[in-house]
Amino acid sequence: MIEKFAYLILMFVFSVLPTLYFWAKHHKFLIKYYRIFIYAIIVTTIGGYFWDYIAIKDGIWYFPNILDIWILGIPIEEWLFFWVTTIGIVTITLSFIGGKNGRR
C-alpha cells in the first residue's frame, strides 16, 4: 500500500521538509521576496503544464493514478511537483544569497 504513495512521500521528504526548514530559519528575509516566488510559480506552472500535456498526449511519458485527480489533463501530483520544487528551489537559493541568518 505504501508503494502507491512513494512518489508523494519522497516529494515530501526531499522537497517539502528542506523548504520548511529554510522558511523556519529565514522567514523574515524570504517574505521580502514574495514577488520572486509568485513569478517563479507562474512561469513554472505555464511551462510545466504545456511540457507535460504534450508529453502525455504524445505518449512520451505516463503518470500513474495515485490520487486519481486530474486537472487539465495532468495529475494533481505533477501540479504539486511544479509548485513544491519551484518554491523549494527559490527558497534555498534566496536563503544562500541572504547569507548568515538570512540577512543581507
N, C-alpha and C. Protein backbone atom coordinates (compact mmCIF):
# COMPACT_ATOMS: atom_id res chain seq x y z
N MET A 1 0.81 -1.20 0.00
CA MET A 1 0.00 0.00 0.00
C MET A 1 0.85 1.26 0.00
N ILE A 2 1.93 1.25 0.79
CA ILE A 2 2.77 2.44 0.87
C ILE A 2 3.49 2.72 -0.46
N GLU A 3 3.72 1.66 -1.24
CA GLU A 3 4.38 1.83 -2.54
C GLU A 3 3.59 2.76 -3.44
N LYS A 4 2.27 2.72 -3.32
CA LYS A 4 1.41 3.56 -4.14
C LYS A 4 1.70 5.04 -3.89
N PHE A 5 2.04 5.38 -2.67
CA PHE A 5 2.27 6.77 -2.30
C PHE A 5 3.75 7.15 -2.22
N ALA A 6 4.62 6.29 -2.74
CA ALA A 6 6.06 6.53 -2.65
C ALA A 6 6.46 7.87 -3.28
N TYR A 7 5.89 8.20 -4.42
CA TYR A 7 6.22 9.46 -5.10
C TYR A 7 5.89 10.65 -4.21
N LEU A 8 4.71 10.66 -3.61
CA LEU A 8 4.31 11.76 -2.74
C LEU A 8 5.16 11.81 -1.48
N ILE A 9 5.48 10.65 -0.93
CA ILE A 9 6.31 10.60 0.28
C ILE A 9 7.70 11.14 -0.02
N LEU A 10 8.29 10.71 -1.13
CA LEU A 10 9.62 11.20 -1.49
C LEU A 10 9.62 12.70 -1.76
N MET A 11 8.57 13.19 -2.42
CA MET A 11 8.48 14.63 -2.66
C MET A 11 8.40 15.38 -1.33
N PHE A 12 7.65 14.85 -0.40
CA PHE A 12 7.53 15.49 0.91
C PHE A 12 8.88 15.49 1.64
N VAL A 13 9.54 14.35 1.69
CA VAL A 13 10.78 14.23 2.45
C VAL A 13 11.91 15.06 1.84
N PHE A 14 12.05 15.02 0.52
CA PHE A 14 13.19 15.67 -0.11
C PHE A 14 12.92 17.07 -0.63
N SER A 15 11.68 17.51 -0.64
CA SER A 15 11.37 18.87 -1.10
C SER A 15 10.68 19.70 -0.03
N VAL A 16 9.62 19.18 0.53
CA VAL A 16 8.83 19.96 1.48
C VAL A 16 9.59 20.17 2.79
N LEU A 17 10.18 19.12 3.36
CA LEU A 17 10.87 19.26 4.63
C LEU A 17 12.06 20.23 4.57
N PRO A 18 12.93 20.14 3.56
CA PRO A 18 14.01 21.14 3.49
C PRO A 18 13.50 22.56 3.31
N THR A 19 12.44 22.71 2.52
CA THR A 19 11.86 24.04 2.31
C THR A 19 11.32 24.59 3.63
N LEU A 20 10.62 23.77 4.39
CA LEU A 20 10.10 24.21 5.68
C LEU A 20 11.23 24.60 6.63
N TYR A 21 12.33 23.87 6.59
CA TYR A 21 13.48 24.19 7.43
C TYR A 21 14.01 25.60 7.09
N PHE A 22 14.20 25.87 5.80
CA PHE A 22 14.72 27.17 5.41
C PHE A 22 13.73 28.29 5.72
N TRP A 23 12.44 28.02 5.57
CA TRP A 23 11.44 29.04 5.92
C TRP A 23 11.44 29.31 7.42
N ALA A 24 11.60 28.28 8.22
CA ALA A 24 11.65 28.47 9.67
C ALA A 24 12.87 29.30 10.07
N LYS A 25 13.95 29.10 9.37
CA LYS A 25 15.20 29.78 9.71
C LYS A 25 15.28 31.19 9.13
N HIS A 26 14.71 31.41 7.94
CA HIS A 26 14.90 32.68 7.23
C HIS A 26 13.59 33.35 6.83
N HIS A 27 12.51 33.11 7.53
CA HIS A 27 11.20 33.61 7.08
C HIS A 27 11.14 35.12 6.95
N LYS A 28 11.77 35.86 7.84
CA LYS A 28 11.72 37.33 7.74
C LYS A 28 12.40 37.82 6.47
N PHE A 29 13.48 37.17 6.11
CA PHE A 29 14.20 37.53 4.89
C PHE A 29 13.42 37.10 3.65
N LEU A 30 12.91 35.89 3.65
CA LEU A 30 12.25 35.34 2.48
C LEU A 30 10.94 36.05 2.14
N ILE A 31 10.22 36.49 3.13
CA ILE A 31 8.92 37.12 2.88
C ILE A 31 9.08 38.42 2.09
N LYS A 32 10.25 39.04 2.18
CA LYS A 32 10.51 40.27 1.42
C LYS A 32 10.51 40.02 -0.08
N TYR A 33 10.75 38.79 -0.47
CA TYR A 33 10.89 38.44 -1.88
C TYR A 33 9.70 37.64 -2.40
N TYR A 34 8.52 37.90 -1.87
CA TYR A 34 7.34 37.14 -2.26
C TYR A 34 7.07 37.24 -3.76
N ARG A 35 7.41 38.36 -4.39
CA ARG A 35 7.17 38.51 -5.83
C ARG A 35 7.98 37.50 -6.64
N ILE A 36 9.18 37.23 -6.21
CA ILE A 36 10.00 36.23 -6.91
C ILE A 36 9.31 34.88 -6.88
N PHE A 37 8.74 34.53 -5.74
CA PHE A 37 8.02 33.26 -5.62
C PHE A 37 6.83 33.23 -6.57
N ILE A 38 6.08 34.31 -6.61
CA ILE A 38 4.90 34.37 -7.49
C ILE A 38 5.30 34.25 -8.95
N TYR A 39 6.29 35.00 -9.38
CA TYR A 39 6.75 34.93 -10.77
C TYR A 39 7.27 33.53 -11.12
N ALA A 40 8.05 32.97 -10.23
CA ALA A 40 8.62 31.64 -10.49
C ALA A 40 7.52 30.59 -10.60
N ILE A 41 6.52 30.66 -9.73
CA ILE A 41 5.42 29.69 -9.78
C ILE A 41 4.62 29.85 -11.07
N ILE A 42 4.36 31.08 -11.48
CA ILE A 42 3.60 31.30 -12.72
C ILE A 42 4.36 30.75 -13.92
N VAL A 43 5.63 31.07 -14.03
CA VAL A 43 6.43 30.59 -15.17
C VAL A 43 6.53 29.07 -15.17
N THR A 44 6.80 28.49 -14.02
CA THR A 44 6.93 27.04 -13.93
C THR A 44 5.61 26.34 -14.23
N THR A 45 4.51 26.89 -13.73
CA THR A 45 3.21 26.27 -13.97
C THR A 45 2.85 26.30 -15.45
N ILE A 46 3.03 27.43 -16.08
CA ILE A 46 2.70 27.53 -17.52
C ILE A 46 3.62 26.64 -18.35
N GLY A 47 4.92 26.77 -18.14
CA GLY A 47 5.87 25.96 -18.90
C GLY A 47 5.72 24.48 -18.63
N GLY A 48 5.59 24.13 -17.35
CA GLY A 48 5.45 22.72 -16.99
C GLY A 48 4.17 22.11 -17.50
N TYR A 49 3.10 22.90 -17.48
CA TYR A 49 1.83 22.39 -17.97
C TYR A 49 1.93 22.00 -19.45
N PHE A 50 2.40 22.91 -20.27
CA PHE A 50 2.47 22.62 -21.70
C PHE A 50 3.45 21.48 -21.98
N TRP A 51 4.56 21.48 -21.28
CA TRP A 51 5.57 20.42 -21.44
C TRP A 51 4.95 19.06 -21.12
N ASP A 52 4.30 18.95 -19.98
CA ASP A 52 3.71 17.67 -19.57
C ASP A 52 2.50 17.30 -20.41
N TYR A 53 1.65 18.26 -20.72
CA TYR A 53 0.46 17.96 -21.50
C TYR A 53 0.83 17.38 -22.86
N ILE A 54 1.79 17.99 -23.52
CA ILE A 54 2.23 17.49 -24.84
C ILE A 54 2.87 16.11 -24.70
N ALA A 55 3.70 15.93 -23.68
CA ALA A 55 4.37 14.64 -23.48
C ALA A 55 3.37 13.53 -23.17
N ILE A 56 2.35 13.83 -22.39
CA ILE A 56 1.33 12.82 -22.07
C ILE A 56 0.50 12.52 -23.32
N LYS A 57 0.08 13.57 -24.01
CA LYS A 57 -0.75 13.41 -25.21
C LYS A 57 -0.02 12.61 -26.29
N ASP A 58 1.27 12.86 -26.46
CA ASP A 58 2.05 12.15 -27.48
C ASP A 58 2.56 10.79 -27.00
N GLY A 59 2.25 10.42 -25.76
CA GLY A 59 2.66 9.12 -25.24
C GLY A 59 4.13 9.03 -24.88
N ILE A 60 4.78 10.17 -24.69
CA ILE A 60 6.20 10.16 -24.33
C ILE A 60 6.39 9.69 -22.90
N TRP A 61 5.51 10.12 -22.00
CA TRP A 61 5.52 9.57 -20.66
C TRP A 61 4.11 9.42 -20.11
N TYR A 62 4.07 8.69 -19.02
CA TYR A 62 2.79 8.30 -18.42
C TYR A 62 2.85 8.55 -16.92
N PHE A 63 1.77 9.01 -16.35
CA PHE A 63 1.68 9.20 -14.91
C PHE A 63 0.65 8.22 -14.35
N PRO A 64 1.03 7.42 -13.37
CA PRO A 64 0.05 6.52 -12.77
C PRO A 64 -0.96 7.32 -11.94
N ASN A 65 -2.13 6.77 -11.78
CA ASN A 65 -3.17 7.43 -10.98
C ASN A 65 -2.93 7.14 -9.51
N ILE A 66 -2.23 8.03 -8.84
CA ILE A 66 -2.00 7.84 -7.41
C ILE A 66 -3.23 8.32 -6.65
N LEU A 67 -3.58 9.56 -6.82
CA LEU A 67 -4.76 10.12 -6.15
C LEU A 67 -5.97 10.14 -7.07
N ASP A 68 -5.75 9.85 -8.33
CA ASP A 68 -6.80 9.82 -9.35
C ASP A 68 -7.54 11.16 -9.48
N ILE A 69 -6.76 12.23 -9.35
CA ILE A 69 -7.29 13.58 -9.56
C ILE A 69 -6.48 14.20 -10.69
N TRP A 70 -7.17 14.50 -11.78
CA TRP A 70 -6.51 15.09 -12.95
C TRP A 70 -7.09 16.48 -13.18
N ILE A 71 -6.22 17.44 -13.42
CA ILE A 71 -6.63 18.81 -13.71
C ILE A 71 -6.04 19.20 -15.06
N LEU A 72 -6.90 19.53 -16.00
CA LEU A 72 -6.47 19.93 -17.35
C LEU A 72 -5.56 18.89 -18.00
N GLY A 73 -5.84 17.62 -17.75
CA GLY A 73 -5.10 16.54 -18.39
C GLY A 73 -3.80 16.15 -17.72
N ILE A 74 -3.54 16.69 -16.54
CA ILE A 74 -2.31 16.37 -15.80
C ILE A 74 -2.70 15.98 -14.37
N PRO A 75 -2.05 14.95 -13.81
CA PRO A 75 -2.41 14.53 -12.45
C PRO A 75 -2.02 15.59 -11.41
N ILE A 76 -2.77 15.63 -10.33
CA ILE A 76 -2.53 16.61 -9.27
C ILE A 76 -1.12 16.47 -8.70
N GLU A 77 -0.58 15.27 -8.68
CA GLU A 77 0.77 15.07 -8.16
C GLU A 77 1.80 15.86 -8.99
N GLU A 78 1.57 15.95 -10.27
CA GLU A 78 2.50 16.70 -11.11
C GLU A 78 2.37 18.20 -10.88
N TRP A 79 1.14 18.68 -10.66
CA TRP A 79 0.96 20.10 -10.31
C TRP A 79 1.68 20.39 -8.99
N LEU A 80 1.52 19.50 -8.02
CA LEU A 80 2.21 19.67 -6.74
C LEU A 80 3.72 19.69 -6.93
N PHE A 81 4.22 18.83 -7.82
CA PHE A 81 5.65 18.81 -8.10
C PHE A 81 6.11 20.16 -8.65
N PHE A 82 5.36 20.73 -9.59
CA PHE A 82 5.71 22.05 -10.13
C PHE A 82 5.89 23.06 -9.00
N TRP A 83 4.89 23.12 -8.14
CA TRP A 83 4.87 24.16 -7.10
C TRP A 83 5.86 23.88 -5.97
N VAL A 84 5.92 22.65 -5.51
CA VAL A 84 6.80 22.30 -4.39
C VAL A 84 8.25 22.50 -4.77
N THR A 85 8.65 21.99 -5.92
CA THR A 85 10.05 22.13 -6.30
C THR A 85 10.41 23.58 -6.61
N THR A 86 9.50 24.31 -7.22
CA THR A 86 9.77 25.72 -7.52
C THR A 86 9.95 26.51 -6.22
N ILE A 87 9.03 26.34 -5.29
CA ILE A 87 9.13 27.05 -4.02
C ILE A 87 10.41 26.63 -3.29
N GLY A 88 10.73 25.35 -3.33
CA GLY A 88 11.94 24.86 -2.67
C GLY A 88 13.22 25.44 -3.27
N ILE A 89 13.31 25.46 -4.58
CA ILE A 89 14.50 25.98 -5.23
C ILE A 89 14.66 27.47 -4.97
N VAL A 90 13.58 28.23 -5.09
CA VAL A 90 13.66 29.67 -4.82
C VAL A 90 14.00 29.92 -3.35
N THR A 91 13.39 29.18 -2.45
CA THR A 91 13.66 29.34 -1.02
C THR A 91 15.12 29.10 -0.70
N ILE A 92 15.65 27.98 -1.16
CA ILE A 92 17.03 27.63 -0.84
C ILE A 92 18.00 28.60 -1.50
N THR A 93 17.73 28.99 -2.73
CA THR A 93 18.60 29.94 -3.42
C THR A 93 18.63 31.28 -2.69
N LEU A 94 17.46 31.81 -2.36
CA LEU A 94 17.41 33.09 -1.64
C LEU A 94 18.05 32.99 -0.26
N SER A 95 17.88 31.86 0.41
CA SER A 95 18.47 31.68 1.73
C SER A 95 19.99 31.71 1.65
N PHE A 96 20.56 31.08 0.64
CA PHE A 96 22.01 31.10 0.48
C PHE A 96 22.51 32.48 0.07
N ILE A 97 21.76 33.15 -0.77
CA ILE A 97 22.13 34.50 -1.19
C ILE A 97 22.07 35.45 0.00
N GLY A 98 21.09 35.26 0.86
CA GLY A 98 20.89 36.12 2.03
C GLY A 98 22.00 36.03 3.05
N GLY A 99 22.82 35.01 2.97
CA GLY A 99 23.94 34.88 3.89
C GLY A 99 23.53 34.38 5.26
N LYS A 100 24.40 34.62 6.20
CA LYS A 100 24.20 34.14 7.57
C LYS A 100 22.91 34.75 8.15
N ASN A 101 22.10 33.87 8.72
CA ASN A 101 20.82 34.26 9.34
C ASN A 101 19.85 34.91 8.36
N GLY A 102 20.07 34.72 7.07
CA GLY A 102 19.13 35.24 6.06
C GLY A 102 19.15 36.74 5.93
N ARG A 103 20.24 37.38 6.31
CA ARG A 103 20.31 38.84 6.23
C ARG A 103 21.34 39.27 5.21
N ARG A 104 21.02 40.32 4.51
CA ARG A 104 21.98 40.87 3.57
C ARG A 104 21.79 42.36 3.51
